[in-house]
PDB file of all heavy atoms in Angstrom:
ATOM      1  N   LYS A   1       0.821  -1.179  -0.002  1.00  0.00           N
ATOM      2  CA  LYS A   1       0.074   0.073  -0.011  1.00  0.00           C
ATOM      3  C   LYS A   1       0.878   1.201   0.035  1.00  0.00           C
ATOM      4  O   LYS A   1       0.598   2.291  -0.610  1.00  0.00           O
ATOM      5  CB  LYS A   1      -0.903  -0.033   1.184  1.00  0.00           C
ATOM      6  CG  LYS A   1      -2.076   0.959   1.161  1.00  0.00           C
ATOM      7  CD  LYS A   1      -3.088   0.719   2.278  1.00  0.00           C
ATOM      8  CE  LYS A   1      -4.257   1.608   2.163  1.00  0.00           C
ATOM      9  NZ  LYS A   1      -5.302   1.408   3.108  1.00  0.00           N
ATOM     10  N   LEU A   2       1.965   1.239   0.642  1.00  0.00           N
ATOM     11  CA  LEU A   2       2.953   2.307   0.751  1.00  0.00           C
ATOM     12  C   LEU A   2       3.432   2.551  -0.718  1.00  0.00           C
ATOM     13  O   LEU A   2       3.484   3.787  -1.189  1.00  0.00           O
ATOM     14  CB  LEU A   2       4.130   2.044   1.695  1.00  0.00           C
ATOM     15  CG  LEU A   2       5.190   3.111   1.649  1.00  0.00           C
ATOM     16  CD1 LEU A   2       4.682   4.427   2.241  1.00  0.00           C
ATOM     17  CD2 LEU A   2       6.430   2.571   2.488  1.00  0.00           C
ATOM     18  N   LYS A   3       3.861   1.531  -1.428  1.00  0.00           N
ATOM     19  CA  LYS A   3       4.383   1.656  -2.713  1.00  0.00           C
ATOM     20  C   LYS A   3       3.383   2.145  -3.755  1.00  0.00           C
ATOM     21  O   LYS A   3       3.774   2.637  -4.784  1.00  0.00           O
ATOM     22  CB  LYS A   3       5.084   0.398  -3.121  1.00  0.00           C
ATOM     23  CG  LYS A   3       6.334   0.037  -2.263  1.00  0.00           C
ATOM     24  CD  LYS A   3       6.933  -1.279  -2.722  1.00  0.00           C
ATOM     25  CE  LYS A   3       8.205  -1.524  -1.783  1.00  0.00           C
ATOM     26  NZ  LYS A   3       8.811  -2.904  -2.090  1.00  0.00           N
ATOM     27  N   SER A   4       2.141   1.860  -3.422  1.00  0.00           N
ATOM     28  CA  SER A   4       1.089   2.324  -4.400  1.00  0.00           C
ATOM     29  C   SER A   4       0.716   3.697  -4.238  1.00  0.00           C
ATOM     30  O   SER A   4       0.041   4.326  -5.063  1.00  0.00           O
ATOM     31  CB  SER A   4      -0.208   1.408  -4.285  1.00  0.00           C
ATOM     32  OG  SER A   4      -0.740   1.652  -3.018  1.00  0.00           O
ATOM     33  N   ALA A   5       1.108   4.304  -3.106  1.00  0.00           N
ATOM     34  CA  ALA A   5       0.840   5.742  -2.812  1.00  0.00           C
ATOM     35  C   ALA A   5       1.857   6.621  -3.689  1.00  0.00           C
ATOM     36  O   ALA A   5       2.944   6.220  -3.960  1.00  0.00           O
ATOM     37  CB  ALA A   5       1.054   6.113  -1.337  1.00  0.00           C
ATOM     38  N   SER A   6       1.362   7.850  -3.898  1.00  0.00           N
ATOM     39  CA  SER A   6       2.210   8.835  -4.593  1.00  0.00           C
ATOM     40  C   SER A   6       3.226   9.375  -3.620  1.00  0.00           C
ATOM     41  O   SER A   6       3.081   9.419  -2.523  1.00  0.00           O
ATOM     42  CB  SER A   6       1.366   9.938  -5.171  1.00  0.00           C
ATOM     43  OG  SER A   6       0.879  10.748  -4.104  1.00  0.00           O
ATOM     44  N   VAL A   7       4.393   9.794  -4.416  1.00  0.00           N
ATOM     45  CA  VAL A   7       5.427  10.423  -3.532  1.00  0.00           C
ATOM     46  C   VAL A   7       4.935  11.666  -2.768  1.00  0.00           C
ATOM     47  O   VAL A   7       5.267  11.950  -1.696  1.00  0.00           O
ATOM     48  CB  VAL A   7       6.646  10.779  -4.425  1.00  0.00           C
ATOM     49  CG1 VAL A   7       7.661  11.599  -3.622  1.00  0.00           C
ATOM     50  CG2 VAL A   7       7.204   9.488  -4.983  1.00  0.00           C
ATOM     51  N   ASP A   8       3.985  12.326  -3.444  1.00  0.00           N
ATOM     52  CA  ASP A   8       3.431  13.615  -2.867  1.00  0.00           C
ATOM     53  C   ASP A   8       2.702  13.263  -1.649  1.00  0.00           C
ATOM     54  O   ASP A   8       2.706  13.939  -0.616  1.00  0.00           O
ATOM     55  CB  ASP A   8       2.539  14.360  -3.837  1.00  0.00           C
ATOM     56  CG  ASP A   8       3.348  14.920  -4.974  1.00  0.00           C
ATOM     57  OD1 ASP A   8       4.542  15.187  -4.743  1.00  0.00           O
ATOM     58  OD2 ASP A   8       2.737  15.227  -5.993  1.00  0.00           O
ATOM     59  N   ASP A   9       1.931  12.145  -1.623  1.00  0.00           N
ATOM     60  CA  ASP A   9       1.155  11.721  -0.440  1.00  0.00           C
ATOM     61  C   ASP A   9       2.106  11.280   0.710  1.00  0.00           C
ATOM     62  O   ASP A   9       1.772  11.665   1.885  1.00  0.00           O
ATOM     63  CB  ASP A   9       0.226  10.615  -0.768  1.00  0.00           C
ATOM     64  CG  ASP A   9      -1.000  11.067  -1.603  1.00  0.00           C
ATOM     65  OD1 ASP A   9      -1.334  12.287  -1.538  1.00  0.00           O
ATOM     66  OD2 ASP A   9      -1.661  10.182  -2.249  1.00  0.00           O
ATOM     67  N   ILE A  10       3.151  10.687   0.354  1.00  0.00           N
ATOM     68  CA  ILE A  10       4.138  10.262   1.371  1.00  0.00           C
ATOM     69  C   ILE A  10       4.808  11.590   2.002  1.00  0.00           C
ATOM     70  O   ILE A  10       5.005  11.667   3.269  1.00  0.00           O
ATOM     71  CB  ILE A  10       5.206   9.340   0.787  1.00  0.00           C
ATOM     72  CG1 ILE A  10       4.575   8.098   0.290  1.00  0.00           C
ATOM     73  CG2 ILE A  10       6.252   9.034   1.802  1.00  0.00           C
ATOM     74  CD1 ILE A  10       5.497   7.118  -0.455  1.00  0.00           C
ATOM     75  N   GLU A  11       5.149  12.507   1.133  1.00  0.00           N
ATOM     76  CA  GLU A  11       5.739  13.721   1.548  1.00  0.00           C
ATOM     77  C   GLU A  11       4.800  14.578   2.442  1.00  0.00           C
ATOM     78  O   GLU A  11       5.345  15.256   3.494  1.00  0.00           O
ATOM     79  CB  GLU A  11       6.096  14.564   0.377  1.00  0.00           C
ATOM     80  CG  GLU A  11       6.842  15.822   0.758  1.00  0.00           C
ATOM     81  CD  GLU A  11       7.431  16.643  -0.433  1.00  0.00           C
ATOM     82  OE1 GLU A  11       6.857  16.363  -1.523  1.00  0.00           O
ATOM     83  OE2 GLU A  11       8.361  17.391  -0.288  1.00  0.00           O
ATOM     84  N   LYS A  12       3.505  14.485   2.292  1.00  0.00           N
ATOM     85  CA  LYS A  12       2.647  15.277   3.110  1.00  0.00           C
ATOM     86  C   LYS A  12       2.634  14.727   4.540  1.00  0.00           C
ATOM     87  O   LYS A  12       2.409  15.610   5.519  1.00  0.00           O
ATOM     88  CB  LYS A  12       1.158  15.082   2.577  1.00  0.00           C
ATOM     89  CG  LYS A  12       0.868  15.838   1.323  1.00  0.00           C
ATOM     90  CD  LYS A  12      -0.558  15.474   0.811  1.00  0.00           C
ATOM     91  CE  LYS A  12      -0.805  16.219  -0.578  1.00  0.00           C
ATOM     92  NZ  LYS A  12      -2.167  15.912  -1.111  1.00  0.00           N
ATOM     93  N   VAL A  13       2.918  13.494   4.739  1.00  0.00           N
ATOM     94  CA  VAL A  13       3.130  12.989   6.140  1.00  0.00           C
ATOM     95  C   VAL A  13       4.515  13.030   6.683  1.00  0.00           C
ATOM     96  O   VAL A  13       4.744  13.434   7.818  1.00  0.00           O
ATOM     97  CB  VAL A  13       2.626  11.385   6.160  1.00  0.00           C
ATOM     98  CG1 VAL A  13       2.725  10.904   7.572  1.00  0.00           C
ATOM     99  CG2 VAL A  13       1.216  11.402   5.621  1.00  0.00           C
ATOM    100  N   PHE A  14       5.498  12.658   5.866  1.00  0.00           N
ATOM    101  CA  PHE A  14       6.883  12.503   6.309  1.00  0.00           C
ATOM    102  C   PHE A  14       7.767  13.680   5.894  1.00  0.00           C
ATOM    103  O   PHE A  14       8.919  13.699   6.368  1.00  0.00           O
ATOM    104  CB  PHE A  14       7.384  11.170   5.851  1.00  0.00           C
ATOM    105  CG  PHE A  14       6.726   9.967   6.463  1.00  0.00           C
ATOM    106  CD1 PHE A  14       5.849   9.245   5.653  1.00  0.00           C
ATOM    107  CD2 PHE A  14       6.964   9.570   7.735  1.00  0.00           C
ATOM    108  CE1 PHE A  14       5.157   8.112   6.316  1.00  0.00           C
ATOM    109  CE2 PHE A  14       6.338   8.463   8.369  1.00  0.00           C
ATOM    110  CZ  PHE A  14       5.396   7.751   7.592  1.00  0.00           C
ATOM    111  N   GLY A  15       7.388  14.376   4.937  1.00  0.00           N
ATOM    112  CA  GLY A  15       8.271  15.520   4.499  1.00  0.00           C
ATOM    113  C   GLY A  15       8.282  16.687   5.440  1.00  0.00           C
ATOM    114  O   GLY A  15       7.771  16.636   6.555  1.00  0.00           O
ATOM    115  N   LYS A  16       8.971  17.786   5.027  1.00  0.00           N
ATOM    116  CA  LYS A  16       9.288  18.897   5.838  1.00  0.00           C
ATOM    117  C   LYS A  16       7.952  19.591   6.166  1.00  0.00           C
ATOM    118  O   LYS A  16       7.948  20.318   7.307  1.00  0.00           O
ATOM    119  CB  LYS A  16      10.216  19.883   5.168  1.00  0.00           C
ATOM    120  CG  LYS A  16       9.696  20.410   3.835  1.00  0.00           C
ATOM    121  CD  LYS A  16      10.644  21.474   3.150  1.00  0.00           C
ATOM    122  CE  LYS A  16      10.017  21.930   1.877  1.00  0.00           C
ATOM    123  NZ  LYS A  16      11.006  22.893   1.192  1.00  0.00           N
ATOM    124  N   SER A  17       6.998  19.548   5.391  1.00  0.00           N
ATOM    125  CA  SER A  17       5.748  20.293   5.654  1.00  0.00           C
ATOM    126  C   SER A  17       4.759  19.464   6.592  1.00  0.00           C
ATOM    127  O   SER A  17       3.800  20.059   7.046  1.00  0.00           O
ATOM    128  CB  SER A  17       5.038  20.646   4.326  1.00  0.00           C
ATOM    129  OG  SER A  17       4.728  19.416   3.611  1.00  0.00           O
ATOM    130  N   GLY A  18       5.082  18.182   6.793  1.00  0.00           N
ATOM    131  CA  GLY A  18       4.215  17.365   7.540  1.00  0.00           C
ATOM    132  C   GLY A  18       4.416  17.568   9.040  1.00  0.00           C
ATOM    133  O   GLY A  18       5.620  17.792   9.471  1.00  0.00           O
ATOM    134  N   SER A  19       3.428  17.498   9.865  1.00  0.00           N
ATOM    135  CA  SER A  19       3.568  17.684  11.297  1.00  0.00           C
ATOM    136  C   SER A  19       3.975  16.385  12.016  1.00  0.00           C
ATOM    137  O   SER A  19       4.556  16.456  13.114  1.00  0.00           O
ATOM    138  CB  SER A  19       2.167  18.072  11.961  1.00  0.00           C
ATOM    139  OG  SER A  19       1.226  17.072  11.725  1.00  0.00           O
ATOM    140  N   PHE A  20       3.880  15.265  11.403  1.00  0.00           N
ATOM    141  CA  PHE A  20       4.129  13.953  12.014  1.00  0.00           C
ATOM    142  C   PHE A  20       5.692  13.852  12.328  1.00  0.00           C
ATOM    143  O   PHE A  20       5.993  13.669  13.447  1.00  0.00           O
ATOM    144  CB  PHE A  20       3.749  12.816  11.153  1.00  0.00           C
ATOM    145  CG  PHE A  20       4.056  11.413  11.712  1.00  0.00           C
ATOM    146  CD1 PHE A  20       3.360  10.950  12.871  1.00  0.00           C
ATOM    147  CD2 PHE A  20       5.054  10.578  11.221  1.00  0.00           C
ATOM    148  CE1 PHE A  20       3.645   9.773  13.452  1.00  0.00           C
ATOM    149  CE2 PHE A  20       5.255   9.352  11.705  1.00  0.00           C
ATOM    150  CZ  PHE A  20       4.682   8.978  12.855  1.00  0.00           C
ATOM    151  N   THR A  21       6.537  14.022  11.344  1.00  0.00           N
ATOM    152  CA  THR A  21       7.988  13.836  11.544  1.00  0.00           C
ATOM    153  C   THR A  21       8.502  14.927  12.422  1.00  0.00           C
ATOM    154  O   THR A  21       9.435  14.694  13.339  1.00  0.00           O
ATOM    155  CB  THR A  21       8.689  13.858  10.249  1.00  0.00           C
ATOM    156  OG1 THR A  21       8.295  14.936   9.346  1.00  0.00           O
ATOM    157  CG2 THR A  21       8.578  12.473   9.513  1.00  0.00           C
ATOM    158  N   SER A  22       7.999  16.087  12.350  1.00  0.00           N
ATOM    159  CA  SER A  22       8.537  17.201  13.162  1.00  0.00           C
ATOM    160  C   SER A  22       8.229  16.987  14.622  1.00  0.00           C
ATOM    161  O   SER A  22       9.104  17.144  15.490  1.00  0.00           O
ATOM    162  CB  SER A  22       7.940  18.526  12.789  1.00  0.00           C
ATOM    163  OG  SER A  22       6.551  18.537  12.876  1.00  0.00           O
ATOM    164  N   LYS A  23       6.964  16.469  14.937  1.00  0.00           N
ATOM    165  CA  LYS A  23       6.596  16.213  16.407  1.00  0.00           C
ATOM    166  C   LYS A  23       7.442  14.993  16.857  1.00  0.00           C
ATOM    167  O   LYS A  23       7.948  14.995  18.010  1.00  0.00           O
ATOM    168  CB  LYS A  23       5.161  15.914  16.468  1.00  0.00           C
ATOM    169  CG  LYS A  23       4.657  15.838  17.910  1.00  0.00           C
ATOM    170  CD  LYS A  23       3.129  15.879  18.022  1.00  0.00           C
ATOM    171  CE  LYS A  23       2.771  15.865  19.496  1.00  0.00           C
ATOM    172  NZ  LYS A  23       1.309  15.937  19.684  1.00  0.00           N
ATOM    173  N   ILE A  24       7.538  14.006  16.019  1.00  0.00           N
ATOM    174  CA  ILE A  24       8.257  12.773  16.413  1.00  0.00           C
ATOM    175  C   ILE A  24       9.766  13.101  16.699  1.00  0.00           C
ATOM    176  O   ILE A  24      10.322  12.671  17.687  1.00  0.00           O
ATOM    177  CB  ILE A  24       8.223  11.661  15.354  1.00  0.00           C
ATOM    178  CG1 ILE A  24       6.794  11.057  15.325  1.00  0.00           C
ATOM    179  CG2 ILE A  24       9.273  10.523  15.624  1.00  0.00           C
ATOM    180  CD1 ILE A  24       6.404  10.346  16.595  1.00  0.00           C
ATOM    181  N   SER A  25      10.330  13.940  15.852  1.00  0.00           N
ATOM    182  CA  SER A  25      11.783  14.358  16.014  1.00  0.00           C
ATOM    183  C   SER A  25      11.820  15.181  17.384  1.00  0.00           C
ATOM    184  O   SER A  25      12.855  14.937  18.141  1.00  0.00           O
ATOM    185  CB  SER A  25      12.150  15.222  14.919  1.00  0.00           C
ATOM    186  OG  SER A  25      13.466  15.769  15.093  1.00  0.00           O
ATOM    187  N   PHE A  26      10.880  16.109  17.636  1.00  0.00           N
ATOM    188  CA  PHE A  26      10.944  16.837  18.849  1.00  0.00           C
ATOM    189  C   PHE A  26      10.889  15.984  20.041  1.00  0.00           C
ATOM    190  O   PHE A  26      11.672  16.122  21.046  1.00  0.00           O
ATOM    191  CB  PHE A  26       9.768  17.852  18.870  1.00  0.00           C
ATOM    192  CG  PHE A  26       9.689  18.709  20.069  1.00  0.00           C
ATOM    193  CD1 PHE A  26      10.518  19.850  20.244  1.00  0.00           C
ATOM    194  CD2 PHE A  26       8.861  18.423  21.074  1.00  0.00           C
ATOM    195  CE1 PHE A  26      10.466  20.642  21.352  1.00  0.00           C
ATOM    196  CE2 PHE A  26       8.874  19.207  22.204  1.00  0.00           C
ATOM    197  CZ  PHE A  26       9.631  20.320  22.362  1.00  0.00           C
ATOM    198  N   VAL A  27       9.831  15.066  20.043  1.00  0.00           N
ATOM    199  CA  VAL A  27       9.614  14.223  21.248  1.00  0.00           C
ATOM    200  C   VAL A  27      10.911  13.263  21.543  1.00  0.00           C
ATOM    201  O   VAL A  27      11.400  13.110  22.581  1.00  0.00           O
ATOM    202  CB  VAL A  27       8.420  13.347  21.183  1.00  0.00           C
ATOM    203  CG1 VAL A  27       8.288  12.347  22.318  1.00  0.00           C
ATOM    204  CG2 VAL A  27       7.170  14.252  21.125  1.00  0.00           C
ATOM    205  N   ALA A  28      11.443  12.704  20.324  1.00  0.00           N
ATOM    206  CA  ALA A  28      12.563  11.835  20.440  1.00  0.00           C
ATOM    207  C   ALA A  28      13.820  12.567  21.033  1.00  0.00           C
ATOM    208  O   ALA A  28      14.514  11.997  21.754  1.00  0.00           O
ATOM    209  CB  ALA A  28      12.882  11.326  19.077  1.00  0.00           C
ATOM    210  N   GLY A  29      13.917  13.828  20.633  1.00  0.00           N
ATOM    211  CA  GLY A  29      15.092  14.635  21.219  1.00  0.00           C
ATOM    212  C   GLY A  29      14.929  14.840  22.664  1.00  0.00           C
ATOM    213  O   GLY A  29      15.957  14.687  23.506  1.00  0.00           O
ATOM    214  N   ARG A  30      13.688  15.012  23.208  1.00  0.00           N
ATOM    215  CA  ARG A  30      13.463  15.245  24.658  1.00  0.00           C
ATOM    216  C   ARG A  30      13.739  13.856  25.326  1.00  0.00           C
ATOM    217  O   ARG A  30      14.250  13.851  26.470  1.00  0.00           O
ATOM    218  CB  ARG A  30      12.155  15.679  24.866  1.00  0.00           C
ATOM    219  CG  ARG A  30      11.862  17.176  24.322  1.00  0.00           C
ATOM    220  CD  ARG A  30      12.853  18.145  24.977  1.00  0.00           C
ATOM    221  NE  ARG A  30      12.699  19.502  24.467  1.00  0.00           N
ATOM    222  CZ  ARG A  30      13.376  19.890  23.364  1.00  0.00           C
ATOM    223  NH1 ARG A  30      14.222  19.046  22.731  1.00  0.00           N
ATOM    224  NH2 ARG A  30      13.234  21.086  22.916  1.00  0.00           N
ATOM    225  N   VAL A  31      13.279  12.782  24.745  1.00  0.00           N
ATOM    226  CA  VAL A  31      13.429  11.417  25.326  1.00  0.00           C
ATOM    227  C   VAL A  31      14.940  11.166  25.527  1.00  0.00           C
ATOM    228  O   VAL A  31      15.405  10.704  26.548  1.00  0.00           O
ATOM    229  CB  VAL A  31      12.790  10.317  24.491  1.00  0.00           C
ATOM    230  CG1 VAL A  31      13.209   8.935  24.990  1.00  0.00           C
ATOM    231  CG2 VAL A  31      11.312  10.526  24.480  1.00  0.00           C
ATOM    232  N   SER A  32      15.669  11.416  24.464  1.00  0.00           N
ATOM    233  CA  SER A  32      17.112  11.159  24.434  1.00  0.00           C
ATOM    234  C   SER A  32      17.850  12.040  25.561  1.00  0.00           C
ATOM    235  O   SER A  32      18.598  11.529  26.320  1.00  0.00           O
ATOM    236  CB  SER A  32      17.852  11.545  23.122  1.00  0.00           C
ATOM    237  OG  SER A  32      19.139  11.401  23.189  1.00  0.00           O
ATOM    238  N   ASP A  33      17.533  13.333  25.647  1.00  0.00           N
ATOM    239  CA  ASP A  33      18.021  14.162  26.707  1.00  0.00           C
ATOM    240  C   ASP A  33      17.746  13.746  28.062  1.00  0.00           C
ATOM    241  O   ASP A  33      18.614  13.697  28.991  1.00  0.00           O
ATOM    242  CB  ASP A  33      17.536  15.602  26.521  1.00  0.00           C
ATOM    243  CG  ASP A  33      18.042  16.304  25.274  1.00  0.00           C
ATOM    244  OD1 ASP A  33      19.038  15.792  24.649  1.00  0.00           O
ATOM    245  OD2 ASP A  33      17.467  17.277  24.882  1.00  0.00           O
ATOM    246  N   ASN A  34      16.433  13.279  28.228  1.00  0.00           N
ATOM    247  CA  ASN A  34      16.080  12.870  29.631  1.00  0.00           C
ATOM    248  C   ASN A  34      16.757  11.499  29.990  1.00  0.00           C
ATOM    249  O   ASN A  34      17.151  11.281  31.075  1.00  0.00           O
ATOM    250  CB  ASN A  34      14.522  12.586  29.589  1.00  0.00           C
ATOM    251  CG  ASN A  34      14.041  12.286  31.029  1.00  0.00           C
ATOM    252  OD1 ASN A  34      14.210  12.978  31.969  1.00  0.00           O
ATOM    253  ND2 ASN A  34      13.360  11.109  31.064  1.00  0.00           N
ATOM    254  N   ALA A  35      16.994  10.641  28.990  1.00  0.00           N
ATOM    255  CA  ALA A  35      17.524   9.384  29.222  1.00  0.00           C
ATOM    256  C   ALA A  35      18.997   9.616  29.497  1.00  0.00           C
ATOM    257  O   ALA A  35      19.580   8.929  30.483  1.00  0.00           O
ATOM    258  CB  ALA A  35      17.446   8.463  27.992  1.00  0.00           C
TER     259      ALA A  35
END
């Protein structure tokens, strides 16, 4: 299903404009600092 999706649709979630990766990156950084 991932491979059948367009690159644009993938970018909307995981690209620079998507909120998902930015939030995950932010939380992961805090987890690492706390650990």
